[in-house]
N, C-alpha and C. Protein backbone atom coordinates (compact mmCIF):
# COMPACT_ATOMS: atom_id res chain seq x y z
N MET A 1 39.81 12.59 -10.43
CA MET A 1 39.43 12.96 -11.77
C MET A 1 37.92 13.22 -11.80
N LYS A 2 37.55 14.21 -12.58
CA LYS A 2 36.14 14.51 -12.83
C LYS A 2 35.86 14.28 -14.29
N LYS A 3 34.62 14.07 -14.59
CA LYS A 3 34.19 13.98 -15.98
C LYS A 3 33.18 15.09 -16.23
N ILE A 4 33.23 15.63 -17.43
CA ILE A 4 32.20 16.58 -17.82
C ILE A 4 31.44 15.98 -18.99
N GLU A 5 30.18 16.26 -19.05
CA GLU A 5 29.36 15.77 -20.15
C GLU A 5 28.95 16.95 -21.01
N ILE A 6 29.13 16.79 -22.28
CA ILE A 6 28.76 17.83 -23.23
C ILE A 6 27.65 17.25 -24.10
N ALA A 7 26.51 17.90 -24.09
CA ALA A 7 25.37 17.41 -24.86
C ALA A 7 24.97 18.43 -25.92
N THR A 8 24.48 17.93 -27.03
CA THR A 8 24.00 18.77 -28.11
C THR A 8 22.56 18.42 -28.41
N THR A 9 21.76 19.45 -28.58
CA THR A 9 20.37 19.24 -28.95
C THR A 9 20.12 19.92 -30.29
N LEU A 10 19.61 19.16 -31.23
CA LEU A 10 19.28 19.68 -32.55
C LEU A 10 17.80 19.43 -32.82
N ALA A 11 17.17 20.33 -33.54
CA ALA A 11 15.81 20.09 -34.01
C ALA A 11 15.91 19.32 -35.32
N VAL A 12 15.00 18.38 -35.53
CA VAL A 12 15.02 17.57 -36.74
C VAL A 12 13.69 17.75 -37.47
N TYR A 13 13.79 18.21 -38.71
CA TYR A 13 12.62 18.33 -39.59
C TYR A 13 12.67 17.17 -40.56
N ASP A 14 11.56 16.50 -40.79
CA ASP A 14 11.55 15.34 -41.67
C ASP A 14 11.75 15.68 -43.13
N SER A 15 11.42 16.93 -43.50
CA SER A 15 11.60 17.34 -44.88
C SER A 15 11.66 18.86 -44.97
N LEU A 16 12.04 19.32 -46.11
CA LEU A 16 12.11 20.75 -46.40
C LEU A 16 10.75 21.42 -46.20
N ASP A 17 9.67 20.70 -46.51
CA ASP A 17 8.32 21.25 -46.41
C ASP A 17 7.92 21.63 -44.99
N GLU A 18 8.57 21.03 -43.99
CA GLU A 18 8.24 21.33 -42.59
C GLU A 18 8.88 22.63 -42.10
N LEU A 19 9.85 23.15 -42.83
CA LEU A 19 10.55 24.35 -42.41
C LEU A 19 9.66 25.59 -42.57
N PRO A 20 9.88 26.62 -41.76
CA PRO A 20 9.19 27.88 -42.00
C PRO A 20 9.51 28.39 -43.41
N GLU A 21 8.60 29.15 -43.99
CA GLU A 21 8.77 29.60 -45.38
C GLU A 21 10.07 30.37 -45.61
N ASP A 22 10.45 31.23 -44.66
CA ASP A 22 11.67 32.01 -44.85
C ASP A 22 12.91 31.10 -44.86
N VAL A 23 12.87 30.03 -44.09
CA VAL A 23 14.00 29.09 -44.07
C VAL A 23 13.97 28.22 -45.33
N GLN A 24 12.78 27.87 -45.82
CA GLN A 24 12.69 27.15 -47.09
C GLN A 24 13.34 27.98 -48.20
N TYR A 25 13.06 29.28 -48.21
CA TYR A 25 13.64 30.17 -49.21
C TYR A 25 15.17 30.17 -49.08
N LEU A 26 15.67 30.28 -47.87
CA LEU A 26 17.11 30.29 -47.65
C LEU A 26 17.73 28.97 -48.10
N MET A 27 17.06 27.86 -47.82
CA MET A 27 17.57 26.56 -48.24
C MET A 27 17.55 26.46 -49.77
N GLN A 28 16.51 26.99 -50.40
CA GLN A 28 16.46 26.99 -51.87
C GLN A 28 17.64 27.79 -52.44
N ARG A 29 18.01 28.86 -51.78
CA ARG A 29 19.17 29.63 -52.20
C ARG A 29 20.46 28.81 -52.04
N SER A 30 20.51 27.97 -51.01
CA SER A 30 21.68 27.10 -50.85
C SER A 30 21.72 26.06 -51.97
N PHE A 31 20.54 25.59 -52.42
CA PHE A 31 20.49 24.64 -53.55
C PHE A 31 21.06 25.30 -54.81
N LYS A 32 20.65 26.53 -55.04
CA LYS A 32 21.13 27.26 -56.22
C LYS A 32 22.64 27.43 -56.16
N ALA A 33 23.15 27.78 -54.99
CA ALA A 33 24.60 27.91 -54.81
C ALA A 33 25.28 26.56 -55.03
N ARG A 34 24.68 25.51 -54.47
CA ARG A 34 25.24 24.15 -54.62
C ARG A 34 25.38 23.78 -56.09
N ASP A 35 24.40 24.18 -56.89
CA ASP A 35 24.44 23.88 -58.32
C ASP A 35 25.59 24.60 -59.03
N ALA A 36 26.10 25.66 -58.40
CA ALA A 36 27.21 26.42 -58.99
C ALA A 36 28.57 25.98 -58.44
N ALA A 37 28.57 24.95 -57.62
CA ALA A 37 29.84 24.48 -57.04
C ALA A 37 30.80 24.02 -58.13
N TYR A 38 32.08 24.23 -57.87
CA TYR A 38 33.13 23.73 -58.75
C TYR A 38 33.84 22.62 -57.99
N ALA A 39 33.44 21.38 -58.27
CA ALA A 39 33.95 20.23 -57.51
C ALA A 39 34.32 19.08 -58.43
N PRO A 40 35.25 19.31 -59.38
CA PRO A 40 35.58 18.25 -60.33
C PRO A 40 36.38 17.09 -59.73
N TYR A 41 36.94 17.28 -58.54
CA TYR A 41 37.80 16.26 -57.95
C TYR A 41 37.03 15.38 -56.96
N SER A 42 36.22 15.99 -56.12
CA SER A 42 35.47 15.22 -55.13
C SER A 42 34.07 14.84 -55.63
N SER A 43 33.54 15.57 -56.59
CA SER A 43 32.15 15.41 -57.05
C SER A 43 31.17 15.55 -55.90
N PHE A 44 31.55 16.35 -54.90
CA PHE A 44 30.70 16.61 -53.74
C PHE A 44 30.39 18.10 -53.74
N HIS A 45 29.14 18.43 -54.06
CA HIS A 45 28.73 19.81 -54.23
C HIS A 45 28.03 20.31 -52.96
N VAL A 46 28.47 21.48 -52.50
CA VAL A 46 27.90 22.08 -51.29
C VAL A 46 27.53 23.52 -51.59
N GLY A 47 26.38 23.93 -51.06
CA GLY A 47 25.95 25.32 -51.16
C GLY A 47 25.58 25.84 -49.80
N ALA A 48 25.85 27.12 -49.57
CA ALA A 48 25.49 27.77 -48.32
C ALA A 48 24.82 29.10 -48.63
N ALA A 49 23.79 29.41 -47.89
CA ALA A 49 23.12 30.71 -48.01
C ALA A 49 23.04 31.32 -46.61
N ILE A 50 23.29 32.61 -46.56
CA ILE A 50 23.35 33.34 -45.28
C ILE A 50 22.30 34.45 -45.30
N LEU A 51 21.56 34.55 -44.21
CA LEU A 51 20.64 35.66 -44.01
C LEU A 51 21.28 36.64 -43.04
N LEU A 52 21.47 37.87 -43.50
CA LEU A 52 22.02 38.91 -42.65
C LEU A 52 20.91 39.62 -41.89
N GLU A 53 21.29 40.31 -40.84
CA GLU A 53 20.32 41.03 -40.01
C GLU A 53 19.56 42.11 -40.80
N ASN A 54 20.16 42.62 -41.86
CA ASN A 54 19.50 43.65 -42.67
C ASN A 54 18.59 43.06 -43.75
N GLY A 55 18.45 41.72 -43.78
CA GLY A 55 17.58 41.07 -44.76
C GLY A 55 18.27 40.59 -46.02
N GLU A 56 19.51 41.00 -46.23
CA GLU A 56 20.27 40.55 -47.40
C GLU A 56 20.52 39.04 -47.30
N VAL A 57 20.48 38.37 -48.44
CA VAL A 57 20.81 36.94 -48.50
C VAL A 57 22.02 36.80 -49.41
N LEU A 58 23.05 36.16 -48.89
CA LEU A 58 24.30 35.92 -49.62
C LEU A 58 24.50 34.43 -49.74
N SER A 59 25.24 34.01 -50.74
CA SER A 59 25.47 32.57 -50.89
C SER A 59 26.89 32.29 -51.34
N GLY A 60 27.26 31.03 -51.19
CA GLY A 60 28.57 30.57 -51.63
C GLY A 60 28.52 29.08 -51.91
N SER A 61 29.46 28.62 -52.71
CA SER A 61 29.56 27.19 -53.02
C SER A 61 31.00 26.76 -52.88
N ASN A 62 31.20 25.45 -52.73
CA ASN A 62 32.58 24.98 -52.62
C ASN A 62 33.30 25.16 -53.95
N GLN A 63 34.57 25.51 -53.85
CA GLN A 63 35.41 25.78 -55.02
C GLN A 63 36.70 24.99 -54.85
N GLU A 64 36.85 23.93 -55.63
CA GLU A 64 38.02 23.06 -55.51
C GLU A 64 39.16 23.53 -56.41
N ASN A 65 40.32 22.98 -56.13
CA ASN A 65 41.52 23.30 -56.88
C ASN A 65 42.34 22.02 -56.97
N ALA A 66 43.07 21.85 -58.05
CA ALA A 66 43.90 20.66 -58.21
C ALA A 66 44.89 20.52 -57.06
N SER A 67 45.30 21.64 -56.48
CA SER A 67 46.11 21.64 -55.28
C SER A 67 45.13 21.70 -54.10
N TYR A 68 44.74 20.52 -53.61
CA TYR A 68 43.62 20.40 -52.67
C TYR A 68 43.57 21.45 -51.55
N PRO A 69 44.62 21.76 -50.88
CA PRO A 69 44.46 22.74 -49.79
C PRO A 69 44.05 24.13 -50.27
N SER A 70 44.13 24.36 -51.55
CA SER A 70 43.80 25.69 -52.07
C SER A 70 42.31 25.90 -52.30
N GLY A 71 41.52 24.87 -52.22
CA GLY A 71 40.07 25.00 -52.40
C GLY A 71 39.43 25.62 -51.17
N LEU A 72 38.14 25.89 -51.28
CA LEU A 72 37.43 26.49 -50.16
C LEU A 72 36.00 25.95 -50.10
N CYS A 73 35.55 25.66 -48.89
CA CYS A 73 34.20 25.15 -48.67
C CYS A 73 33.16 26.23 -48.88
N ALA A 74 31.93 25.81 -49.12
CA ALA A 74 30.82 26.74 -49.36
C ALA A 74 30.56 27.65 -48.17
N GLU A 75 30.60 27.09 -46.97
CA GLU A 75 30.30 27.88 -45.78
C GLU A 75 31.29 29.01 -45.59
N ARG A 76 32.58 28.71 -45.79
CA ARG A 76 33.60 29.76 -45.64
C ARG A 76 33.55 30.75 -46.79
N THR A 77 33.24 30.27 -48.01
CA THR A 77 33.09 31.19 -49.14
C THR A 77 32.01 32.22 -48.81
N ALA A 78 30.87 31.76 -48.31
CA ALA A 78 29.76 32.66 -48.00
C ALA A 78 30.05 33.57 -46.81
N ILE A 79 30.59 32.99 -45.74
CA ILE A 79 30.77 33.79 -44.53
C ILE A 79 31.90 34.82 -44.70
N TYR A 80 32.94 34.47 -45.44
CA TYR A 80 34.01 35.44 -45.67
C TYR A 80 33.53 36.56 -46.60
N TYR A 81 32.66 36.22 -47.55
CA TYR A 81 32.07 37.26 -48.40
C TYR A 81 31.25 38.22 -47.54
N ALA A 82 30.47 37.66 -46.62
CA ALA A 82 29.66 38.50 -45.72
C ALA A 82 30.57 39.40 -44.88
N GLY A 83 31.63 38.83 -44.33
CA GLY A 83 32.54 39.60 -43.49
C GLY A 83 33.26 40.70 -44.25
N ALA A 84 33.60 40.42 -45.50
CA ALA A 84 34.33 41.40 -46.31
C ALA A 84 33.42 42.51 -46.82
N ASN A 85 32.18 42.19 -47.13
CA ASN A 85 31.29 43.17 -47.75
C ASN A 85 30.25 43.77 -46.81
N TYR A 86 29.99 43.11 -45.70
CA TYR A 86 29.01 43.59 -44.72
C TYR A 86 29.61 43.43 -43.31
N PRO A 87 30.75 44.05 -43.04
CA PRO A 87 31.47 43.76 -41.80
C PRO A 87 30.73 44.13 -40.51
N ASP A 88 29.79 45.04 -40.57
CA ASP A 88 29.09 45.47 -39.36
C ASP A 88 27.66 44.95 -39.29
N ILE A 89 27.30 44.03 -40.18
CA ILE A 89 25.95 43.47 -40.20
C ILE A 89 26.01 42.03 -39.67
N ALA A 90 25.23 41.75 -38.66
CA ALA A 90 25.23 40.42 -38.04
C ALA A 90 24.65 39.36 -38.98
N ILE A 91 25.18 38.16 -38.87
CA ILE A 91 24.67 36.99 -39.59
C ILE A 91 23.64 36.32 -38.69
N LYS A 92 22.42 36.18 -39.19
CA LYS A 92 21.36 35.57 -38.38
C LYS A 92 21.27 34.06 -38.59
N THR A 93 21.28 33.64 -39.87
CA THR A 93 20.99 32.24 -40.19
C THR A 93 21.85 31.78 -41.36
N MET A 94 22.25 30.51 -41.33
CA MET A 94 22.95 29.90 -42.45
C MET A 94 22.25 28.60 -42.80
N ALA A 95 21.99 28.41 -44.10
CA ALA A 95 21.41 27.16 -44.60
C ALA A 95 22.45 26.48 -45.48
N ILE A 96 22.64 25.18 -45.29
CA ILE A 96 23.67 24.41 -46.00
C ILE A 96 23.03 23.17 -46.62
N SER A 97 23.35 22.93 -47.87
CA SER A 97 22.91 21.70 -48.53
C SER A 97 24.09 21.08 -49.25
N ALA A 98 24.09 19.75 -49.31
CA ALA A 98 25.21 19.04 -49.93
C ALA A 98 24.69 17.87 -50.75
N LYS A 99 25.43 17.57 -51.82
CA LYS A 99 25.02 16.47 -52.70
C LYS A 99 26.26 15.80 -53.29
N ALA A 100 26.34 14.50 -53.10
CA ALA A 100 27.38 13.71 -53.77
C ALA A 100 26.85 13.37 -55.15
N MET A 101 27.58 13.75 -56.17
CA MET A 101 27.13 13.51 -57.54
C MET A 101 27.11 12.01 -57.81
N GLY A 102 26.06 11.54 -58.43
CA GLY A 102 25.96 10.13 -58.78
C GLY A 102 25.26 9.28 -57.74
N LYS A 103 24.88 9.87 -56.60
CA LYS A 103 24.12 9.13 -55.60
C LYS A 103 23.35 10.12 -54.73
N SER A 104 22.35 9.61 -54.07
CA SER A 104 21.52 10.46 -53.22
C SER A 104 22.21 10.68 -51.87
N THR A 105 22.11 11.90 -51.37
CA THR A 105 22.66 12.25 -50.07
C THR A 105 21.50 12.61 -49.17
N THR A 106 21.00 11.63 -48.42
CA THR A 106 19.80 11.84 -47.62
C THR A 106 20.08 12.14 -46.16
N LYS A 107 21.32 11.98 -45.71
CA LYS A 107 21.67 12.33 -44.33
C LYS A 107 22.08 13.80 -44.30
N PRO A 108 21.65 14.55 -43.29
CA PRO A 108 22.09 15.94 -43.17
C PRO A 108 23.61 16.03 -43.07
N VAL A 109 24.18 16.96 -43.82
CA VAL A 109 25.64 17.12 -43.88
C VAL A 109 26.01 18.41 -43.13
N PRO A 110 26.66 18.28 -41.97
CA PRO A 110 27.04 19.46 -41.20
C PRO A 110 28.31 20.10 -41.76
N PRO A 111 28.62 21.31 -41.31
CA PRO A 111 29.89 21.94 -41.73
C PRO A 111 31.08 21.11 -41.26
N CYS A 112 32.15 21.13 -42.04
CA CYS A 112 33.38 20.45 -41.63
C CYS A 112 34.01 21.20 -40.45
N GLY A 113 35.05 20.66 -39.90
CA GLY A 113 35.71 21.26 -38.74
C GLY A 113 36.24 22.66 -39.00
N ALA A 114 36.88 22.86 -40.15
CA ALA A 114 37.43 24.19 -40.47
C ALA A 114 36.30 25.21 -40.61
N CYS A 115 35.21 24.81 -41.22
CA CYS A 115 34.06 25.72 -41.37
C CYS A 115 33.42 26.01 -40.01
N ARG A 116 33.36 25.01 -39.16
CA ARG A 116 32.80 25.24 -37.81
C ARG A 116 33.61 26.31 -37.09
N GLN A 117 34.92 26.21 -37.19
CA GLN A 117 35.77 27.20 -36.52
C GLN A 117 35.58 28.59 -37.13
N ALA A 118 35.44 28.67 -38.45
CA ALA A 118 35.24 29.96 -39.11
C ALA A 118 33.90 30.57 -38.71
N ILE A 119 32.84 29.76 -38.68
CA ILE A 119 31.53 30.24 -38.27
C ILE A 119 31.56 30.67 -36.81
N ALA A 120 32.27 29.90 -35.98
CA ALA A 120 32.40 30.24 -34.56
C ALA A 120 33.03 31.62 -34.39
N GLU A 121 34.01 31.94 -35.20
CA GLU A 121 34.67 33.25 -35.11
C GLU A 121 33.65 34.37 -35.30
N TYR A 122 32.72 34.18 -36.23
CA TYR A 122 31.71 35.21 -36.48
C TYR A 122 30.68 35.28 -35.35
N GLU A 123 30.33 34.14 -34.77
CA GLU A 123 29.42 34.17 -33.62
C GLU A 123 30.05 34.95 -32.47
N VAL A 124 31.31 34.68 -32.19
CA VAL A 124 32.00 35.37 -31.10
C VAL A 124 32.11 36.86 -31.43
N ARG A 125 32.49 37.16 -32.65
CA ARG A 125 32.68 38.55 -33.09
C ARG A 125 31.39 39.36 -32.97
N GLN A 126 30.27 38.78 -33.36
CA GLN A 126 29.01 39.53 -33.34
C GLN A 126 28.24 39.38 -32.03
N LYS A 127 28.76 38.56 -31.14
CA LYS A 127 28.17 38.35 -29.81
C LYS A 127 26.71 37.90 -29.86
N GLN A 128 26.40 37.10 -30.87
CA GLN A 128 25.08 36.48 -30.95
C GLN A 128 25.18 35.23 -31.81
N PRO A 129 24.34 34.24 -31.52
CA PRO A 129 24.43 32.97 -32.25
C PRO A 129 24.00 33.08 -33.70
N ILE A 130 24.48 32.16 -34.50
CA ILE A 130 24.07 32.00 -35.88
C ILE A 130 23.29 30.68 -35.93
N VAL A 131 22.03 30.75 -36.34
CA VAL A 131 21.20 29.55 -36.45
C VAL A 131 21.62 28.82 -37.72
N LEU A 132 21.86 27.53 -37.61
CA LEU A 132 22.29 26.71 -38.75
C LEU A 132 21.24 25.66 -39.09
N TYR A 133 20.93 25.56 -40.39
CA TYR A 133 20.11 24.49 -40.93
C TYR A 133 20.97 23.73 -41.92
N PHE A 134 20.98 22.41 -41.87
CA PHE A 134 21.77 21.66 -42.84
C PHE A 134 21.09 20.37 -43.23
N MET A 135 21.34 19.99 -44.50
CA MET A 135 20.72 18.79 -45.06
C MET A 135 21.57 18.25 -46.20
N GLY A 136 21.18 17.10 -46.69
CA GLY A 136 21.78 16.57 -47.92
C GLY A 136 21.02 17.15 -49.10
N ASP A 137 20.78 16.35 -50.12
CA ASP A 137 19.99 16.86 -51.25
C ASP A 137 18.51 16.52 -51.09
N ALA A 138 18.18 15.72 -50.09
CA ALA A 138 16.79 15.36 -49.79
C ALA A 138 16.75 14.83 -48.36
N GLY A 139 15.54 14.67 -47.83
CA GLY A 139 15.41 14.05 -46.52
C GLY A 139 15.39 15.06 -45.39
N GLN A 140 15.86 14.61 -44.24
CA GLN A 140 15.79 15.41 -43.02
C GLN A 140 16.65 16.67 -43.09
N VAL A 141 16.20 17.65 -42.32
CA VAL A 141 16.95 18.90 -42.14
C VAL A 141 17.21 19.03 -40.64
N PHE A 142 18.46 19.26 -40.27
CA PHE A 142 18.81 19.49 -38.87
C PHE A 142 18.93 20.99 -38.64
N LYS A 143 18.49 21.41 -37.45
CA LYS A 143 18.62 22.81 -37.05
C LYS A 143 19.40 22.89 -35.75
N SER A 144 20.41 23.75 -35.74
CA SER A 144 21.16 24.04 -34.54
C SER A 144 20.97 25.51 -34.21
N GLU A 145 20.63 25.82 -32.98
CA GLU A 145 20.40 27.20 -32.58
C GLU A 145 21.67 28.03 -32.53
N SER A 146 22.82 27.36 -32.57
CA SER A 146 24.11 28.05 -32.51
C SER A 146 25.20 27.11 -33.01
N LEU A 147 26.24 27.68 -33.57
CA LEU A 147 27.38 26.88 -33.98
C LEU A 147 27.99 26.17 -32.77
N GLU A 148 27.90 26.79 -31.62
CA GLU A 148 28.50 26.21 -30.42
C GLU A 148 27.93 24.83 -30.09
N ASN A 149 26.72 24.52 -30.56
CA ASN A 149 26.18 23.17 -30.39
C ASN A 149 27.00 22.14 -31.16
N LEU A 150 27.59 22.55 -32.27
CA LEU A 150 28.37 21.64 -33.11
C LEU A 150 29.86 21.65 -32.77
N LEU A 151 30.29 22.67 -32.06
CA LEU A 151 31.70 22.81 -31.68
C LEU A 151 31.73 23.40 -30.27
N PRO A 152 31.38 22.58 -29.27
CA PRO A 152 31.16 23.11 -27.93
C PRO A 152 32.40 23.65 -27.23
N LEU A 153 33.57 23.19 -27.54
CA LEU A 153 34.78 23.69 -26.90
C LEU A 153 35.49 24.63 -27.88
N LEU A 154 34.92 25.82 -28.03
CA LEU A 154 35.42 26.77 -29.01
C LEU A 154 36.84 27.23 -28.71
N PHE A 155 37.62 27.36 -29.76
CA PHE A 155 38.92 28.02 -29.64
C PHE A 155 38.68 29.48 -30.03
N THR A 156 38.87 30.39 -29.09
CA THR A 156 38.61 31.81 -29.35
C THR A 156 39.84 32.64 -29.04
N GLN A 157 39.71 33.94 -29.27
CA GLN A 157 40.81 34.86 -29.01
C GLN A 157 41.16 34.89 -27.53
N ASP A 158 40.29 34.39 -26.66
CA ASP A 158 40.60 34.37 -25.22
C ASP A 158 41.83 33.52 -24.92
N TYR A 159 42.18 32.58 -25.79
CA TYR A 159 43.34 31.73 -25.57
C TYR A 159 44.64 32.39 -26.05
N LEU A 160 44.52 33.44 -26.82
CA LEU A 160 45.71 34.06 -27.43
C LEU A 160 46.34 35.09 -26.51
């Protein structure tokens, strides 16, 4: 038997103020999207903002439904909008912010598993990484140079 080791390296910023100005702007757009979240069941609001290669910034927020599987996370709302409306424009960067209503969320909140797989599909499709920044409503911001850092054993069309 052999063992393989899979390691992930993330950059850690102590606060929003340490981010480059363009990323601060993108994160602010994720805050605005987060404020528009429809989350009456979980009270967990998430916003995502995407920077496209052409300079366009798109955003999305989580949208819940009384029939839980019918809701959609912010990251997938934003990335599917990008894919539907800008199918030939690469996604460069995604900023994600999350907030649990009624308490502070100071730990960075990464995309859930389903969102990781959806983002991975776009990385593979465009043949270039998507830089991810994620945070709670305050505190540290984590940066990943690629979704593959968060989901190293990607399931891709190569298996089909």
